[in-house]
Protein backbone atom coordinates (compact mmCIF):
# COMPACT_ATOMS: atom_id res chain seq x y z
CA MET A 1 -17.12 -23.68 29.75
CA GLU A 2 -20.52 -24.75 29.66
CA ASP A 3 -21.03 -20.97 26.73
CA ALA A 4 -18.83 -21.99 24.48
CA LEU A 5 -20.90 -25.83 24.40
CA ASN A 6 -24.13 -23.82 23.49
CA ASN A 7 -21.98 -21.79 20.70
CA THR A 8 -21.26 -25.23 19.47
CA CYS A 9 -24.66 -27.08 20.05
CA LEU A 10 -25.80 -23.74 18.12
CA SER A 11 -23.09 -23.54 15.22
CA GLN A 12 -24.11 -27.23 14.63
CA SER A 13 -27.74 -26.31 14.38
CA GLN A 14 -27.09 -24.12 11.59
CA GLN A 15 -24.36 -25.76 9.96
CA HIS A 16 -27.45 -28.42 9.73
CA ALA A 17 -30.14 -25.55 8.16
CA LEU A 18 -27.50 -24.66 5.61
CA GLN A 19 -26.53 -28.31 4.01
CA ILE A 20 -30.44 -28.75 4.02
CA LEU A 21 -30.64 -25.12 2.56
CA SER A 22 -28.00 -25.94 -0.03
CA LYS A 23 -28.76 -28.87 -0.81
CA GLU A 24 -30.38 -29.18 -4.26
CA ILE A 25 -34.29 -29.97 -3.96
CA ARG A 26 -35.43 -31.07 -6.97
CA GLY A 27 -35.07 -34.74 -7.25
CA GLN A 28 -35.38 -34.94 -3.04
CA ASP A 29 -37.99 -37.21 -1.93
CA ILE A 30 -40.96 -35.17 0.22
CA LEU A 31 -41.88 -37.79 2.59
CA PRO A 32 -38.79 -39.24 4.37
CA PRO A 33 -39.58 -43.51 4.09
CA PRO A 34 -41.69 -44.75 6.74
CA SER A 35 -38.52 -47.42 7.92
CA VAL A 36 -37.13 -43.55 8.54
CA ILE A 37 -40.41 -42.20 10.94
CA GLN A 38 -40.71 -45.76 12.48
CA LYS A 39 -37.00 -45.29 13.91
CA ALA A 40 -37.75 -41.45 14.84
CA THR A 41 -40.37 -42.92 17.08
CA ASP A 42 -39.00 -45.51 18.70
CA ASP A 43 -36.11 -42.85 18.88
CA LEU A 44 -38.45 -40.50 21.43
CA VAL A 45 -37.42 -40.80 24.64
CA PRO A 46 -39.54 -43.32 26.58
CA SER A 47 -40.25 -40.60 29.42
CA LEU A 48 -38.96 -37.09 31.60
CA PRO A 49 -35.19 -38.28 33.37
CA ARG A 50 -34.58 -37.20 35.80
CA LYS A 51 -31.21 -35.66 35.11
CA GLY A 52 -31.46 -34.22 31.40
CA HIS A 53 -29.10 -35.92 28.47
CA GLY A 54 -27.37 -32.01 28.32
CA ILE A 55 -27.58 -29.73 25.34
CA GLN A 56 -25.18 -32.23 22.92
CA LYS A 57 -26.25 -35.37 23.74
CA THR A 58 -29.75 -33.32 22.76
CA THR A 59 -28.36 -31.96 19.86
CA ASP A 60 -27.15 -34.98 18.20
CA HIS A 61 -30.95 -36.63 19.10
CA VAL A 62 -32.72 -33.65 17.30
CA LEU A 63 -30.74 -33.07 14.09
CA LYS A 64 -29.62 -37.25 13.78
CA ASP A 65 -32.29 -39.32 14.82
CA LEU A 66 -35.21 -36.70 14.58
CA ALA A 67 -34.64 -34.12 11.51
CA PRO A 68 -34.32 -37.46 8.80
CA ALA A 69 -37.90 -37.49 10.29
CA LEU A 70 -39.64 -34.33 8.79
CA ASN A 71 -40.86 -33.67 5.64
CA ARG A 72 -39.64 -31.13 3.39
CA GLN A 73 -43.30 -29.27 2.73
CA ALA A 74 -41.27 -26.13 3.42
CA LEU A 75 -38.40 -26.87 1.36
CA SER A 76 -39.82 -28.47 -2.11
CA PRO A 77 -41.64 -26.49 -4.81
CA ASN A 78 -43.49 -29.68 -5.58
CA TYR A 79 -45.26 -29.88 -1.74
CA TYR A 80 -49.67 -29.23 -3.53
CA GLY A 81 -50.53 -30.51 0.00
CA PHE A 82 -53.26 -27.90 1.61
CA VAL A 83 -52.06 -24.75 0.65
CA VAL A 84 -48.50 -25.29 2.25
CA GLY A 85 -46.76 -22.37 1.07
CA GLY A 86 -42.69 -22.46 1.96
CA ILE A 87 -39.88 -19.81 3.67
CA THR A 88 -38.31 -17.03 1.71
CA PRO A 89 -34.79 -16.39 2.42
CA ALA A 90 -36.07 -13.20 3.81
CA ALA A 91 -38.67 -14.59 5.99
CA ARG A 92 -36.39 -17.31 6.94
CA VAL A 93 -33.48 -14.90 7.81
CA ALA A 94 -35.67 -12.56 10.03
CA GLU A 95 -37.39 -15.49 11.86
CA GLN A 96 -33.55 -16.66 13.20
CA VAL A 97 -33.90 -13.18 13.94
CA ALA A 98 -36.70 -13.16 16.04
CA SER A 99 -36.31 -16.26 17.81
CA LEU A 100 -32.66 -14.39 18.99
CA TYR A 101 -34.36 -11.61 21.00
CA ASP A 102 -37.65 -13.35 21.26
CA GLN A 103 -40.38 -10.10 21.93
CA ASN A 104 -43.36 -10.00 23.68
CA VAL A 105 -45.51 -8.73 20.91
CA GLN A 106 -48.78 -8.02 23.34
CA VAL A 107 -48.44 -4.69 24.99
CA HIS A 108 -47.38 -1.62 22.75
CA LEU A 109 -44.32 -0.14 24.85
CA PRO A 110 -42.65 2.18 22.19
CA GLU A 111 -39.98 3.68 24.90
CA THR A 112 -38.29 -0.11 25.18
CA THR A 113 -38.89 -1.70 21.85
CA ILE A 114 -39.54 -1.06 18.18
CA ALA A 115 -41.60 -4.40 18.14
CA THR A 116 -45.08 -3.50 18.24
CA THR A 117 -44.44 -0.62 15.95
CA LEU A 118 -43.03 -2.69 13.17
CA GLU A 119 -45.73 -5.63 13.27
CA ASP A 120 -47.81 -2.11 12.44
CA ARG A 121 -45.67 -1.41 10.04
CA ALA A 122 -45.81 -4.50 8.75
CA LEU A 123 -49.78 -4.62 8.65
CA ARG A 124 -49.40 -1.32 6.34
CA LEU A 125 -47.03 -2.86 4.39
CA LEU A 126 -49.06 -5.93 3.82
CA LEU A 127 -52.28 -3.71 2.95
CA GLU A 128 -50.47 -1.65 0.75
CA LEU A 129 -49.14 -4.96 -1.45
CA LEU A 130 -52.82 -6.09 -1.64
CA GLU A 131 -53.57 -2.76 -2.79
CA PHE A 132 -56.33 -1.22 0.05
CA HIS A 133 -56.13 2.22 1.40
CA ILE A 134 -54.71 1.85 4.96
CA LYS A 135 -57.13 4.44 5.90
CA ASP A 136 -59.83 1.85 5.69
CA TRP A 137 -58.46 -0.53 7.86
CA PRO A 138 -57.76 1.00 11.12
CA SER A 139 -58.61 -2.08 12.76
CA ARG A 140 -55.60 -4.50 12.31
CA THR A 141 -53.72 -7.45 13.89
CA PHE A 142 -51.63 -10.77 13.38
CA THR A 143 -52.81 -14.31 14.10
CA THR A 144 -52.29 -17.81 14.17
CA GLY A 145 -53.37 -18.37 11.18
CA ALA A 146 -56.90 -17.72 8.69
CA THR A 147 -58.65 -20.42 11.44
CA ALA A 148 -57.69 -17.95 14.57
CA SER A 149 -58.43 -14.75 12.11
CA ASN A 150 -61.92 -15.89 11.23
CA ILE A 151 -62.86 -16.34 15.01
CA VAL A 152 -61.48 -12.39 15.97
CA GLY A 153 -63.60 -12.10 12.47
CA LEU A 154 -66.81 -13.65 13.63
CA ALA A 155 -67.11 -12.26 17.57
CA CYS A 156 -66.10 -8.81 15.65
CA GLY A 157 -69.62 -8.80 13.65
CA ARG A 158 -71.61 -11.00 16.99
CA GLU A 159 -70.24 -8.06 18.48
CA TYR A 160 -71.68 -5.86 16.39
CA ILE A 161 -74.98 -7.30 15.17
CA ILE A 162 -76.81 -7.26 18.44
CA ASN A 163 -75.33 -4.07 19.41
CA GLN A 164 -77.15 -2.34 16.49
CA ALA A 165 -79.79 -4.24 17.54
CA ILE A 166 -80.04 -2.80 21.22
CA ARG A 167 -79.35 0.16 19.28
CA LYS A 168 -82.32 0.01 17.19
CA ARG A 169 -84.73 -1.63 19.98
CA LYS A 170 -83.30 1.16 22.95
CA ALA A 171 -82.65 3.90 21.11
CA GLN A 172 -79.70 4.77 23.07
CA THR A 173 -75.42 4.66 22.17
CA ILE A 174 -73.96 1.49 22.65
CA SER A 175 -71.48 2.30 25.37
CA ASN A 176 -69.96 0.27 28.42
CA GLU A 177 -72.50 0.97 30.87
CA ILE A 178 -74.80 -1.40 28.18
CA GLU A 179 -76.09 -4.71 27.80
CA THR A 180 -72.98 -5.71 25.19
CA VAL A 181 -72.16 -9.03 24.30
CA GLY A 182 -68.34 -7.97 25.91
CA ASN A 183 -69.76 -6.96 28.98
CA VAL A 184 -72.96 -9.04 29.99
CA GLY A 185 -72.29 -12.40 27.73
CA LEU A 186 -74.41 -13.34 24.26
CA LEU A 187 -77.30 -15.00 26.27
CA ALA A 188 -78.53 -11.64 28.61
CA ALA A 189 -77.18 -9.25 25.05
CA CYS A 190 -79.14 -10.87 22.96
CA ARG A 191 -82.45 -10.70 25.87
CA ALA A 192 -81.87 -7.31 25.84
CA ALA A 193 -81.92 -6.76 21.92
CA GLY A 194 -84.90 -8.80 21.13
CA ILE A 195 -82.83 -11.33 18.92
CA THR A 196 -84.08 -14.78 19.18
CA ASP A 197 -81.64 -16.24 16.46
CA ILE A 198 -78.10 -15.77 15.30
CA GLN A 199 -77.59 -16.75 11.07
CA ILE A 200 -74.53 -17.32 9.83
CA LEU A 201 -75.62 -17.16 6.11
CA THR A 202 -72.65 -17.88 2.79
CA THR A 203 -72.76 -20.23 0.01
CA LEU A 204 -69.80 -22.86 0.74
CA PRO A 205 -67.64 -22.59 3.71
CA HIS A 206 -64.58 -23.78 5.47
CA SER A 207 -64.94 -25.95 8.31
CA SER A 208 -62.94 -23.20 9.86
CA LEU A 209 -65.19 -21.00 9.82
CA LYS A 210 -67.50 -23.14 11.41
CA LYS A 211 -64.96 -24.02 14.49
CA ALA A 212 -65.57 -20.28 14.59
CA SER A 213 -68.83 -20.10 14.91
CA SER A 214 -68.78 -23.04 17.83
CA ILE A 215 -66.21 -21.43 19.55
CA ILE A 216 -67.90 -18.56 19.84
CA GLY A 217 -70.93 -19.86 20.92
CA LEU A 218 -73.10 -19.05 17.75
CA GLY A 219 -73.20 -22.73 17.02
CA ARG A 220 -71.95 -25.14 13.94
CA SER A 221 -76.10 -25.75 12.51
CA CYS A 222 -76.42 -21.72 12.64
CA PHE A 223 -75.08 -21.82 8.56
CA HIS A 224 -77.76 -21.04 6.25
CA ARG A 225 -76.56 -22.08 2.44
CA VAL A 226 -77.86 -19.27 -0.03
CA SER A 227 -76.60 -19.86 -3.12
CA GLN A 228 -77.60 -20.47 -6.43
CA SER A 229 -79.90 -23.44 -7.87
CA GLU A 230 -77.09 -23.83 -10.46
CA ASN A 231 -73.76 -22.89 -8.63
CA GLN A 232 -73.24 -23.53 -5.21
CA LEU A 233 -70.23 -21.47 -5.21
CA ASP A 234 -72.21 -18.25 -5.48
CA PHE A 235 -74.76 -16.57 -3.47
CA ASP A 236 -78.67 -15.68 -4.20
CA LEU A 237 -79.10 -12.28 -3.12
CA GLU A 238 -83.16 -13.21 -3.41
CA LEU A 239 -82.43 -15.59 -1.14
CA LEU A 240 -79.83 -13.63 1.19
CA GLU A 241 -82.27 -11.21 1.13
CA GLU A 242 -85.76 -13.47 2.78
CA ARG A 243 -83.65 -14.57 4.59
CA LEU A 244 -81.80 -11.44 6.10
CA LYS A 245 -85.94 -10.05 6.93
CA LEU A 246 -86.62 -12.86 9.60
CA PRO A 247 -87.31 -11.52 12.47
CA HIS A 248 -86.14 -11.16 15.50
CA THR A 249 -82.70 -12.39 13.95
CA ALA A 250 -79.06 -11.20 13.88
CA SER A 251 -77.38 -12.09 10.03
CA ILE A 252 -73.04 -12.25 9.27
CA VAL A 253 -72.74 -12.67 5.86
CA VAL A 254 -69.45 -14.78 4.50
CA ILE A 255 -68.23 -14.03 1.75
CA SER A 256 -65.69 -17.13 0.69
CA CYS A 257 -62.89 -16.04 -1.35
CA SER A 258 -61.59 -19.20 -3.22
CA GLU A 259 -62.69 -21.84 -2.27
CA VAL A 260 -61.02 -24.90 -0.73
CA ASN A 261 -61.10 -27.44 -2.83
CA THR A 262 -61.82 -25.39 -6.27
CA GLY A 263 -60.28 -22.32 -6.40
CA TYR A 264 -63.20 -20.77 -7.52
CA PHE A 265 -64.44 -17.53 -5.69
CA ALA A 266 -67.93 -17.09 -3.98
CA THR A 267 -68.28 -13.27 -5.47
CA HIS A 268 -66.44 -12.12 -8.92
CA SER A 269 -66.95 -8.22 -8.95
CA GLU A 270 -66.94 -5.27 -6.81
CA ARG A 271 -70.01 -4.65 -8.19
CA GLU A 272 -71.46 -7.87 -6.48
CA VAL A 273 -69.21 -7.42 -3.42
CA TYR A 274 -70.99 -3.19 -2.99
CA SER A 275 -74.00 -5.61 -3.36
CA LEU A 276 -74.05 -7.60 -0.33
CA SER A 277 -72.43 -5.26 1.59
CA SER A 278 -75.58 -2.96 0.67
CA LEU A 279 -78.19 -5.73 1.65
CA CYS A 280 -76.32 -5.61 5.19
CA LYS A 281 -76.57 -2.31 6.12
CA LYS A 282 -79.65 -2.13 5.04
CA TYR A 283 -80.90 -5.16 7.95
CA GLY A 284 -77.85 -4.73 10.13
CA ALA A 285 -75.75 -7.61 9.45
CA TRP A 286 -71.99 -7.60 9.45
CA LEU A 287 -70.22 -8.95 6.09
CA HIS A 288 -67.19 -10.82 6.88
CA VAL A 289 -64.38 -12.25 4.31
CA ASP A 290 -63.08 -15.76 5.09
CA ALA A 291 -60.07 -14.87 1.97
CA ALA A 292 -56.98 -17.63 3.16
CA PHE A 293 -55.52 -17.28 -0.18
CA GLY A 294 -57.92 -15.62 -2.24
CA LEU A 295 -56.60 -12.04 -0.96
CA PHE A 296 -54.01 -12.37 -2.80
CA ALA A 297 -55.55 -12.02 -6.48
CA ARG A 298 -55.19 -8.70 -5.58
CA VAL A 299 -51.94 -9.00 -6.39
CA LEU A 300 -52.05 -9.42 -10.20
CA GLU A 301 -51.93 -7.60 -12.75
CA GLN A 302 -54.96 -5.95 -14.79
CA THR A 303 -54.31 -7.84 -17.55
CA ASP A 304 -56.78 -10.23 -20.31
CA GLU A 305 -54.82 -13.32 -18.35
CA PHE A 306 -55.73 -12.52 -14.87
CA ARG A 307 -59.55 -10.41 -15.10
CA TYR A 308 -61.29 -12.70 -14.29
CA VAL A 309 -59.14 -14.44 -10.62
CA ARG A 310 -58.35 -10.88 -9.84
CA GLY A 311 -62.67 -10.12 -10.49
CA GLY A 312 -62.64 -13.18 -7.27
CA ALA A 313 -61.09 -10.82 -4.54
CA GLU A 314 -62.15 -7.17 -6.18
CA GLY A 315 -64.97 -5.15 -4.38
CA LEU A 316 -64.02 -6.50 -0.94
CA GLU A 317 -63.08 -3.10 0.44
CA HIS A 318 -67.36 -2.79 1.01
CA ALA A 319 -66.48 -6.12 3.86
CA ASP A 320 -66.45 -4.97 7.63
CA SER A 321 -63.72 -7.48 7.99
CA ILE A 322 -61.32 -9.68 6.23
CA ALA A 323 -59.95 -13.09 7.30
CA GLY A 324 -56.49 -14.24 5.66
CA ASP A 325 -53.00 -16.16 5.78
CA ALA A 326 -49.68 -14.73 5.69
CA HIS A 327 -48.18 -18.66 5.53
CA LYS A 328 -50.27 -19.38 2.27
CA LEU A 329 -48.98 -17.21 -0.78
CA LEU A 330 -46.95 -14.65 1.77
CA ASN A 331 -44.71 -17.75 2.09
CA VAL A 332 -43.56 -17.11 5.43
CA PRO A 333 -43.25 -19.60 8.82
CA TYR A 334 -45.51 -21.15 10.19
CA ASP A 335 -48.27 -20.06 12.41
CA CYS A 336 -49.26 -16.57 10.85
CA GLY A 337 -52.62 -14.95 9.65
CA PHE A 338 -53.70 -11.68 10.08
CA PHE A 339 -56.71 -9.80 10.01
CA PHE A 340 -58.72 -6.45 9.18
CA SER A 341 -61.47 -4.69 9.92
CA ARG A 342 -63.02 -1.50 9.21
CA HIS A 343 -64.22 -0.77 12.59
CA ALA A 344 -62.02 0.81 14.99
CA GLY A 345 -63.01 -0.07 18.41
CA LEU A 346 -64.82 -3.28 17.88
CA ALA A 347 -62.07 -5.68 18.54
CA HIS A 348 -61.21 -3.67 21.47
CA GLU A 349 -65.17 -4.01 22.98
CA VAL A 350 -64.50 -7.75 22.47
CA PHE A 351 -60.77 -8.89 23.07
CA GLN A 352 -59.29 -6.42 25.76
CA ASN A 353 -57.56 -6.97 29.07
CA PRO A 354 -60.00 -5.29 31.23
CA ASN A 355 -58.15 -4.21 34.94
CA ALA A 356 -55.22 -5.12 33.45
CA ALA A 357 -52.62 -2.03 34.59
CA TYR A 358 -49.69 -4.28 34.18
CA LEU A 359 -50.61 -4.93 30.20
CA SER A 360 -51.31 -1.33 29.96
CA SER A 361 -49.17 0.88 27.53
CA GLY A 362 -50.08 4.12 29.19
CA ASP A 363 -50.82 5.61 26.42
CA PRO A 364 -55.16 6.64 26.16
CA ALA A 365 -54.11 8.64 23.11
CA PRO A 366 -56.66 6.51 20.18
CA ASP A 367 -54.22 7.52 17.19
CA THR A 368 -51.78 5.56 18.68
CA ILE A 369 -51.03 1.35 17.74
CA GLN A 370 -53.65 -0.46 19.59
CA SER A 371 -51.67 -3.39 22.41
CA PRO A 372 -52.57 -6.17 19.82
CA SER A 373 -53.51 -8.17 23.10
CA ASN A 374 -56.48 -5.82 23.08
CA ILE A 375 -57.54 -6.96 19.77
CA GLY A 376 -57.51 -10.12 19.20
CA LEU A 377 -57.35 -13.46 20.62
CA GLU A 378 -53.74 -14.05 22.42
CA ASN A 379 -52.13 -12.32 25.32
CA SER A 380 -49.13 -13.45 24.49
CA ARG A 381 -47.03 -14.89 21.34
CA ARG A 382 -44.20 -14.58 19.33
CA PHE A 383 -42.95 -12.23 17.03
CA ARG A 384 -44.50 -12.93 13.37
CA ALA A 385 -44.66 -9.71 11.77
CA LEU A 386 -40.83 -9.15 11.56
CA PRO A 387 -40.79 -12.40 9.25
CA VAL A 388 -43.42 -10.64 6.95
CA TYR A 389 -41.86 -7.08 6.75
CA ALA A 390 -38.25 -8.81 6.05
CA THR A 391 -40.11 -10.65 3.17
CA LEU A 392 -42.26 -7.35 2.16
CA VAL A 393 -39.46 -5.35 1.64
CA SER A 394 -37.06 -7.81 -0.08
CA TYR A 395 -39.26 -8.35 -2.46
CA GLY A 396 -42.25 -5.77 -2.74
CA SER A 397 -44.75 -5.56 -4.73
CA ASP A 398 -42.91 -7.01 -8.16
CA GLY A 399 -41.09 -10.00 -6.27
CA TYR A 400 -44.55 -11.05 -5.33
CA ARG A 401 -46.70 -9.99 -8.60
CA ASP A 402 -43.86 -12.74 -10.41
CA MET A 403 -44.08 -15.02 -7.59
CA LEU A 404 -48.04 -15.52 -7.55
CA GLN A 405 -47.89 -15.81 -11.33
CA ARG A 406 -45.80 -18.05 -11.78
CA GLN A 407 -47.77 -19.85 -8.87
CA VAL A 408 -50.88 -19.30 -11.22
CA SER A 409 -49.50 -20.16 -14.40
CA LEU A 410 -48.01 -23.23 -12.71
CA ALA A 411 -51.60 -24.65 -11.76
CA ARG A 412 -53.30 -23.32 -15.02
CA ARG A 413 -50.42 -25.65 -17.12
CA ILE A 414 -52.15 -28.35 -14.42
CA ALA A 415 -55.45 -27.73 -15.15
CA THR A 416 -55.34 -28.08 -19.06
CA TYR A 417 -53.32 -30.95 -19.04
CA PHE A 418 -55.71 -33.02 -16.72
CA ASP A 419 -58.99 -31.55 -18.86
CA HIS A 420 -57.39 -33.10 -22.13
CA HIS A 421 -56.28 -36.31 -19.91
CA PRO A 422 -58.82 -39.13 -21.52
CA GLU A 423 -58.12 -41.17 -17.90
CA PHE A 424 -59.12 -37.94 -15.90
CA ASP A 425 -62.08 -35.28 -14.88
CA LEU A 426 -60.88 -31.72 -14.35
CA LEU A 427 -63.98 -31.28 -11.29
CA PRO A 428 -66.03 -29.37 -10.66
CA LEU A 429 -68.03 -31.09 -13.80
CA GLU A 430 -70.36 -28.65 -13.80
CA ARG A 431 -68.39 -25.44 -14.35
CA ASP A 432 -69.20 -23.29 -17.21
CA ARG A 433 -67.98 -25.07 -20.69
CA MET A 434 -67.74 -21.55 -21.74
CA MET A 435 -65.06 -20.27 -19.91
CA ASN A 436 -61.25 -20.78 -20.83
CA ILE A 437 -60.44 -22.97 -18.02
CA GLU A 438 -56.64 -21.72 -17.61
CA GLU A 439 -58.80 -17.94 -17.07
CA ARG A 440 -60.49 -19.32 -14.50
CA THR A 441 -58.02 -21.41 -12.23
CA PHE A 442 -56.22 -19.70 -9.28
CA ILE A 443 -53.67 -21.68 -7.78
CA ILE A 444 -55.45 -25.11 -7.16
CA VAL A 445 -56.71 -27.99 -9.46
CA LEU A 446 -59.07 -30.86 -8.49
CA PHE A 447 -59.57 -33.59 -10.66
CA ARG A 448 -60.19 -37.49 -9.92
CA ALA A 449 -59.62 -40.33 -12.34
CA LYS A 450 -62.30 -41.46 -14.21
CA GLU A 451 -62.37 -45.26 -13.26
CA ASP A 452 -63.08 -45.62 -9.58
CA ALA A 453 -60.64 -48.70 -8.89
CA VAL A 454 -57.37 -45.92 -9.85
CA ASN A 455 -59.16 -43.31 -8.44
CA VAL A 456 -58.68 -44.57 -4.77
CA LEU A 457 -55.38 -45.60 -4.42
CA LEU A 458 -54.82 -41.90 -6.75
CA VAL A 459 -53.52 -39.77 -3.57
CA LYS A 460 -51.69 -42.76 -2.14
CA GLN A 461 -50.27 -43.60 -5.38
CA PHE A 462 -49.04 -40.04 -6.29
CA ASN A 463 -46.86 -39.38 -2.86
CA ALA A 464 -45.51 -43.06 -2.74
CA SER A 465 -43.79 -41.48 -5.50
CA SER A 466 -42.08 -38.46 -2.90
CA GLN A 467 -41.21 -36.66 -6.06
CA ILE A 468 -44.84 -34.75 -5.44
CA TYR A 469 -47.25 -34.79 -2.45
CA VAL A 470 -50.66 -34.42 -3.01
CA SER A 471 -53.80 -33.90 -0.69
CA GLY A 472 -56.97 -35.62 -0.76
CA THR A 473 -60.80 -34.22 -1.01
CA ILE A 474 -64.54 -35.64 -1.31
CA TRP A 475 -66.72 -33.50 -4.32
CA ASP A 476 -69.96 -34.84 -5.43
CA GLY A 477 -69.75 -37.54 -2.65
CA LYS A 478 -66.28 -39.68 -4.62
CA PRO A 479 -62.48 -39.10 -4.03
CA ALA A 480 -61.12 -36.44 -5.18
CA CYS A 481 -57.16 -35.28 -5.20
CA ARG A 482 -56.04 -31.91 -5.39
CA ILE A 483 -53.56 -29.72 -6.35
CA ALA A 484 -52.38 -26.61 -4.67
CA VAL A 485 -49.29 -24.65 -5.87
CA ALA A 486 -48.37 -22.12 -2.96
CA ASN A 487 -44.30 -22.63 -2.80
CA TRP A 488 -42.27 -19.41 -4.07
CA GLN A 489 -40.18 -21.32 -5.82
CA VAL A 490 -42.22 -22.44 -8.51
CA ASP A 491 -40.49 -23.01 -11.95
CA VAL A 492 -43.53 -23.33 -14.15
CA GLU A 493 -41.03 -25.77 -16.91
CA ARG A 494 -39.06 -28.07 -14.00
CA ASP A 495 -42.26 -28.65 -12.18
CA PHE A 496 -44.75 -29.21 -14.31
CA ALA A 497 -42.66 -31.94 -16.02
CA VAL A 498 -42.24 -33.36 -12.63
CA VAL A 499 -46.20 -33.52 -12.20
CA GLY A 500 -46.65 -35.24 -15.71
CA SER A 501 -44.00 -37.54 -14.52
CA VAL A 502 -45.38 -38.98 -11.78
CA VAL A 503 -49.05 -38.86 -13.06
CA THR A 504 -47.38 -41.01 -16.56
CA GLY A 505 -45.35 -43.42 -14.05
CA VAL A 506 -48.46 -43.96 -11.78
CA LEU A 507 -50.79 -44.81 -13.92
CA GLU A 508 -48.45 -47.35 -15.76
CA ASP A 509 -48.19 -48.88 -12.12
CA LEU A 510 -51.70 -48.92 -11.98
CA LYS A 511 -52.34 -51.09 -15.15
CA ARG A 512 -49.67 -53.15 -14.27
CA VAL A 513 -51.24 -54.31 -11.01
CA LYS A 514 -54.53 -54.55 -12.43
CA SER A 515 -52.90 -56.89 -15.35
């Protein structure tokens, strides 16, 4: 009887999902009304019940009371906040299977499950999609997202630069017997290396990098901008080398591969990245790429239409590590990021579980798949790889190229619209006016109203329409709006018409209020 009830509730949940997915998304509200959110808040149980409510009552509570108060960020193609992708149908199917079997993918036990083998295959497929040579990236794993991947990247970089300094100072090979960070800690290792300062050199860093730096013990104040004076995102190589030369100082250099507010890139060609890599090798620095979504520019066609944007992701094979998000442009469920490194054993030095025989795969062969628990942050995590594998197999490189090119095309239509609109400024204002705005736009459009009184209300009014959702930000000390196109369902003509209609309606409403 209990099994029958459990199956009934599971069936109700599946029917609810099918009903939501079968509805025409266009024209439906992206955000639930405030009254619905308030009702759901009021309906939350105030405290833990002594006697449980039972699965049927709880299922009704979740589906009828709580689900209506959730937004449609993953369902609507017109959700443009926070670079949020959706979930492809293939990824959604695989996510249900991953939940059903709930695999432990942290220890490589190929005789008991295909989970870790499939995970490695998914990462290989992802490298192929991004046009990297698999052999160049022997260290690879899934994470919760680009923030976690940046933590892994900076931690590996910290280990590398200190180890390099120890090797140079003591003229010995780094091994588990000497003073590495992983063995003796940051302070003791820095003393052994003769290091008095560690710096992170970059141009316009995402906040997650400073968060990562704080977590790994370097601090948020270790960042130093090495930007060109006329362009805050591009590297000044002379200034960079001056910082790299500082005595008793170890360095990590970070490339912002598509800045979060503008979508613009810090490098523009393979030659530029090679120059950065050469300087890093010269001075024993680590080159990391924060490429949450910019990395996917490598998927675009090599045509004049996409040449400039694609150039921003070229040459990254010269980096030591790359952090990326899969739950953005790959359109798989939250939470899913990935990390690639050219250094096979370094992540193991940082993240291994010492003296934990129960976590051993029992196979020490160096060419086997590494247990994820020994090369990443977590000792426990869900089967993130299955949705990634399924969506890559389902749509292939051509499918993802078409998906991304539709997203880019819509962003460019919107950028051109605001660039020519008399009541808006397309940002940044200091951009190269000789550059065709369509060629430069990737998936993000940054803009503001020319009238300050309108600009302050713009984000709130756009989102109040519930037809589109945008995120607010600050640019040059003033409020600005940001549209990030990332959903797999993009239809350029349909969605551009929705954006134009909302903009026109909001301006008319604000004018009526003003008059």
